Amino acid sequence: AAPVMLASPLWSSQQLASASESAMPIFVGAEVDVALAGLATGDPVERAAALEWLSCNLWSLATSADGCRAVQDALAFASGAEQAKLAEQLRGHVVEGCMSPHANHVLQKLVQNVPPERLQFVVDELAGEADRMARHRFGCRVLQRLLGRCPHKQTEALASELLEVAPQLFRHSFGNFVIQHMIEHGTDLQRQTMVAAIVKDIQRLARHNVASHVVRAALMHCPRSEKQYLVDALRADAAELADLAHHHCGS
């Protein structure tokens, strides 16, 4: 693993301060093991020292291959108050973290383990970025976690951004997964909006190698009335329906 600038959980507060100005690289592995062991212990002093070290180094850890796994473990071990302290270190880094091959996993773990009311800063930092995140290979995963975990009211603005570009996301290699997630877990109104957009171009969408999965998801997860709307649109032209039955995506 590549070296990362980290302070040891065994250092004093004075050493922690001087380390922040040091250029000395320290490998992640052993230091992380000590920190995680300290967080798992019942000793309050060791636990506090481990939490302080993880908090001080969290962003560096989150953006490294070994470190991101350690932060995920820490979020799983931590109490509610400790999770909040760790989460605070991600404030201001959400968009960057969503696009990181390592930190995106930390954000996903955060969303899974922290109460939704403590995730508002994540929602706020993604405001205006929903379309870009939906099209990103890592960002789409964080967005799905967030939409599935938080109350609809909390993510309403993000969902509205996505609905505005839904017809483009239907066909996108990553965005389609976000749309499928919204179809499965969204509100009835969100489903109705997406179904209306699907029906407008249903014959081409049903034949598209990516968008056909969105049509399938709508037929599986939408309420009965919306499913019937989709079926009626597919059956509206008998010739098109017969052709679709033999298409590699539509069959």
Protein backbone atom coordinates (compact mmCIF):
# COMPACT_ATOMS: atom_id res chain seq x y z
CA ALA A 1 0.00 0.00 0.00
CA ALA A 2 1.15 3.55 -0.67
CA PRO A 3 2.33 5.52 2.37
CA VAL A 4 -0.09 8.06 3.81
CA MET A 5 0.63 11.02 6.10
CA LEU A 6 -0.74 9.81 9.41
CA ALA A 7 -0.22 10.42 13.09
CA SER A 8 0.10 7.50 15.47
CA PRO A 9 -2.78 6.88 17.88
CA LEU A 10 -0.11 6.44 20.55
CA TRP A 11 1.26 9.98 20.14
CA SER A 12 0.64 12.78 22.63
CA SER A 13 -1.37 15.86 21.68
CA GLN A 14 1.92 17.75 21.18
CA GLN A 15 3.17 15.06 18.81
CA LEU A 16 -0.17 15.15 16.97
CA ALA A 17 0.22 18.88 16.44
CA SER A 18 3.80 18.61 15.17
CA ALA A 19 2.91 15.68 12.92
CA SER A 20 0.45 17.81 10.99
CA GLU A 21 3.43 19.90 9.84
CA SER A 22 5.68 16.92 9.16
CA ALA A 23 6.39 15.40 5.77
CA MET A 24 7.16 11.98 7.24
CA PRO A 25 5.06 9.22 5.60
CA ILE A 26 3.83 6.40 7.81
CA PHE A 27 2.26 3.26 6.43
CA VAL A 28 -1.43 2.85 7.15
CA GLY A 29 -1.63 -0.80 8.20
CA ALA A 30 -0.11 -1.01 11.68
CA GLU A 31 -1.37 2.42 12.75
CA VAL A 32 -4.91 1.59 11.68
CA ASP A 33 -4.83 -1.74 13.49
CA VAL A 34 -3.90 0.03 16.73
CA ALA A 35 -6.65 2.62 16.24
CA LEU A 36 -9.34 0.05 15.52
CA ALA A 37 -8.26 -2.04 18.49
CA GLY A 38 -8.47 1.06 20.66
CA LEU A 39 -11.95 1.86 19.38
CA ALA A 40 -13.11 -1.70 20.07
CA THR A 41 -11.75 -1.74 23.63
CA GLY A 42 -13.72 -0.96 26.78
CA ASP A 43 -10.96 1.33 28.06
CA PRO A 44 -12.29 4.89 27.74
CA VAL A 45 -8.80 6.43 27.49
CA GLU A 46 -7.73 4.14 24.66
CA ARG A 47 -11.06 4.59 22.94
CA ALA A 48 -10.84 8.38 23.13
CA ALA A 49 -7.27 8.35 21.79
CA ALA A 50 -8.25 6.08 18.90
CA LEU A 51 -11.25 8.24 18.03
CA GLU A 52 -9.10 11.38 18.12
CA TRP A 53 -6.54 9.82 15.79
CA LEU A 54 -9.18 8.59 13.36
CA SER A 55 -10.88 11.99 13.36
CA CYS A 56 -7.61 13.84 12.73
CA ASN A 57 -6.70 11.56 9.84
CA LEU A 58 -10.11 10.61 8.52
CA TRP A 59 -10.01 12.25 5.10
CA SER A 60 -6.50 10.90 4.35
CA LEU A 61 -7.67 7.45 5.42
CA ALA A 62 -10.94 7.67 3.47
CA THR A 63 -9.13 8.38 0.20
CA SER A 64 -6.68 5.47 0.46
CA ALA A 65 -7.33 1.81 -0.31
CA ASP A 66 -6.43 0.43 3.13
CA GLY A 67 -7.61 3.45 5.05
CA CYS A 68 -11.11 3.52 3.60
CA ARG A 69 -11.74 0.01 4.89
CA ALA A 70 -10.53 1.08 8.32
CA VAL A 71 -12.90 4.06 8.37
CA GLN A 72 -15.78 1.80 7.37
CA ASP A 73 -14.93 -0.51 10.27
CA ALA A 74 -14.68 2.46 12.61
CA LEU A 75 -18.14 3.67 11.60
CA ALA A 76 -19.48 0.21 12.35
CA PHE A 77 -17.76 0.05 15.79
CA ALA A 78 -18.52 3.62 16.85
CA SER A 79 -21.31 4.81 19.11
CA GLY A 80 -23.76 7.42 17.89
CA ALA A 81 -21.75 10.33 19.29
CA GLU A 82 -18.52 8.87 17.90
CA GLN A 83 -20.11 8.40 14.47
CA ALA A 84 -21.15 12.04 14.53
CA LYS A 85 -17.58 13.13 15.27
CA LEU A 86 -16.21 11.00 12.45
CA ALA A 87 -18.93 12.16 10.06
CA GLU A 88 -18.06 15.78 10.76
CA GLN A 89 -14.65 15.22 9.18
CA LEU A 90 -16.36 14.49 5.86
CA ARG A 91 -18.12 17.85 5.81
CA GLY A 92 -16.96 19.81 2.78
CA HIS A 93 -15.69 16.64 1.07
CA VAL A 94 -18.95 15.01 -0.03
CA VAL A 95 -18.82 15.68 -3.78
CA GLU A 96 -15.11 14.84 -3.94
CA GLY A 97 -15.74 11.74 -1.84
CA CYS A 98 -18.55 10.55 -4.08
CA MET A 99 -16.16 10.56 -7.03
CA SER A 100 -13.31 8.85 -5.16
CA PRO A 101 -12.79 5.13 -5.80
CA HIS A 102 -12.16 4.72 -2.05
CA ALA A 103 -14.04 7.47 -0.20
CA ASN A 104 -17.31 6.59 -1.92
CA HIS A 105 -17.35 3.41 0.16
CA VAL A 106 -16.92 5.47 3.33
CA LEU A 107 -19.85 7.69 2.37
CA GLN A 108 -21.98 4.64 1.64
CA LYS A 109 -21.12 3.18 5.05
CA LEU A 110 -21.88 6.53 6.67
CA VAL A 111 -25.32 6.63 5.05
CA GLN A 112 -26.01 3.07 6.16
CA ASN A 113 -24.98 3.55 9.78
CA VAL A 114 -25.77 7.14 10.76
CA PRO A 115 -29.32 8.35 11.47
CA PRO A 116 -30.80 10.34 8.56
CA GLU A 117 -30.99 13.55 10.59
CA ARG A 118 -27.18 13.51 10.81
CA LEU A 119 -26.88 13.10 7.05
CA GLN A 120 -28.34 16.48 6.16
CA PHE A 121 -24.91 17.91 5.35
CA VAL A 122 -24.47 15.14 2.75
CA VAL A 123 -27.81 16.02 1.15
CA ASP A 124 -26.96 19.73 1.25
CA GLU A 125 -23.55 19.30 -0.39
CA LEU A 126 -25.08 17.25 -3.21
CA ALA A 127 -27.63 19.97 -4.00
CA GLY A 128 -27.23 20.88 -7.68
CA GLU A 129 -24.99 17.85 -8.22
CA ALA A 130 -27.57 15.04 -8.45
CA ASP A 131 -27.39 14.68 -12.24
CA ARG A 132 -23.57 14.62 -12.25
CA MET A 133 -23.45 12.12 -9.38
CA ALA A 134 -26.05 9.87 -11.05
CA ARG A 135 -23.82 9.68 -14.14
CA HIS A 136 -20.67 8.91 -12.15
CA ARG A 137 -19.56 5.31 -11.64
CA PHE A 138 -19.04 5.85 -7.89
CA GLY A 139 -21.33 8.77 -7.22
CA CYS A 140 -24.36 6.82 -8.41
CA ARG A 141 -23.83 4.33 -5.57
CA VAL A 142 -23.81 7.00 -2.86
CA LEU A 143 -26.90 8.61 -4.37
CA GLN A 144 -28.77 5.31 -4.33
CA ARG A 145 -27.87 4.71 -0.68
CA LEU A 146 -28.99 8.20 0.25
CA LEU A 147 -32.31 7.98 -1.61
CA GLY A 148 -33.03 4.61 -0.04
CA ARG A 149 -32.04 5.55 3.53
CA CYS A 150 -33.36 9.08 4.07
CA PRO A 151 -37.03 10.09 4.30
CA HIS A 152 -38.51 11.25 1.01
CA LYS A 153 -38.95 14.76 2.34
CA GLN A 154 -35.23 15.02 3.10
CA THR A 155 -34.18 14.01 -0.42
CA GLU A 156 -37.05 15.68 -2.27
CA ALA A 157 -34.83 18.34 -3.86
CA LEU A 158 -32.31 15.76 -5.08
CA ALA A 159 -35.14 13.63 -6.50
CA SER A 160 -36.55 16.67 -8.31
CA GLU A 161 -33.16 17.29 -9.93
CA LEU A 162 -33.10 13.69 -11.12
CA LEU A 163 -36.66 13.77 -12.46
CA GLU A 164 -35.79 16.78 -14.62
CA VAL A 165 -33.21 14.72 -16.48
CA ALA A 166 -34.84 11.30 -16.13
CA PRO A 167 -35.24 10.67 -19.90
CA GLN A 168 -31.45 11.05 -20.32
CA LEU A 169 -30.69 8.93 -17.26
CA PHE A 170 -32.91 6.11 -18.57
CA ARG A 171 -30.23 5.42 -21.18
CA HIS A 172 -27.15 6.17 -19.09
CA SER A 173 -24.92 3.27 -18.05
CA PHE A 174 -24.80 4.47 -14.40
CA GLY A 175 -27.76 6.81 -14.21
CA ASN A 176 -30.21 4.04 -15.06
CA PHE A 177 -29.44 2.34 -11.73
CA VAL A 178 -30.39 5.51 -9.84
CA ILE A 179 -33.66 5.71 -11.80
CA GLN A 180 -34.42 2.04 -11.10
CA HIS A 181 -33.78 2.70 -7.41
CA MET A 182 -36.19 5.63 -7.46
CA ILE A 183 -38.82 3.53 -9.21
CA GLU A 184 -38.52 0.90 -6.49
CA HIS A 185 -38.21 3.18 -3.44
CA GLY A 186 -39.59 6.57 -4.52
CA THR A 187 -42.94 8.19 -3.85
CA ASP A 188 -46.04 7.48 -5.93
CA LEU A 189 -45.75 10.92 -7.51
CA GLN A 190 -42.12 10.28 -8.47
CA ARG A 191 -43.12 6.95 -10.03
CA GLN A 192 -45.95 8.59 -11.95
CA THR A 193 -43.55 11.22 -13.32
CA MET A 194 -41.07 8.58 -14.46
CA VAL A 195 -43.76 6.35 -15.97
CA ALA A 196 -45.16 9.30 -17.93
CA ALA A 197 -41.67 9.93 -19.33
CA ILE A 198 -41.22 6.25 -20.19
CA VAL A 199 -44.56 6.01 -22.01
CA LYS A 200 -43.63 8.92 -24.31
CA ASP A 201 -40.84 6.84 -25.85
CA ILE A 202 -41.62 3.35 -24.65
CA GLN A 203 -40.97 1.45 -27.91
CA ARG A 204 -37.43 2.76 -28.26
CA LEU A 205 -36.70 2.53 -24.53
CA ALA A 206 -37.88 -1.09 -24.43
CA ARG A 207 -35.38 -1.92 -27.19
CA HIS A 208 -32.45 -0.04 -25.66
CA ASN A 209 -29.78 -2.22 -24.06
CA VAL A 210 -29.72 0.02 -20.93
CA ALA A 211 -33.12 1.72 -20.81
CA SER A 212 -34.95 -1.59 -21.21
CA HIS A 213 -33.93 -2.35 -17.61
CA VAL A 214 -35.72 0.82 -16.50
CA VAL A 215 -38.89 -0.26 -18.33
CA ARG A 216 -38.61 -3.66 -16.66
CA ALA A 217 -38.20 -2.07 -13.23
CA ALA A 218 -41.29 0.06 -13.77
CA LEU A 219 -43.33 -3.01 -14.75
CA MET A 220 -42.12 -4.77 -11.60
CA HIS A 221 -42.35 -2.08 -8.94
CA CYS A 222 -44.97 0.48 -9.92
CA PRO A 223 -48.54 0.40 -8.59
CA ARG A 224 -51.09 -1.59 -10.59
CA SER A 225 -52.52 1.48 -12.35
CA GLU A 226 -49.08 2.59 -13.56
CA LYS A 227 -48.22 -0.93 -14.70
CA GLN A 228 -51.42 -1.01 -16.74
CA TYR A 229 -50.53 2.35 -18.28
CA LEU A 230 -47.20 0.89 -19.40
CA VAL A 231 -48.76 -2.33 -20.71
CA ASP A 232 -51.38 -0.39 -22.69
CA ALA A 233 -48.64 1.72 -24.26
CA LEU A 234 -46.70 -1.38 -25.26
CA ARG A 235 -49.82 -2.96 -26.78
CA ALA A 236 -50.99 0.17 -28.61
CA ASP A 237 -49.35 -0.93 -31.88
CA ALA A 238 -49.71 -4.65 -32.60
CA ALA A 239 -46.89 -4.69 -35.15
CA GLU A 240 -44.50 -2.97 -32.76
CA LEU A 241 -45.45 -5.40 -30.00
CA ALA A 242 -44.79 -8.40 -32.25
CA ASP A 243 -41.42 -6.98 -33.21
CA LEU A 244 -40.58 -6.25 -29.57
CA ALA A 245 -41.32 -9.86 -28.63
CA HIS A 246 -38.44 -10.96 -30.87
CA HIS A 247 -36.04 -8.23 -29.85
CA HIS A 248 -33.11 -9.24 -27.66
CA CYS A 249 -33.94 -6.47 -25.15
CA GLY A 250 -37.71 -6.47 -25.39
CA SER A 251 -38.41 -10.18 -25.18
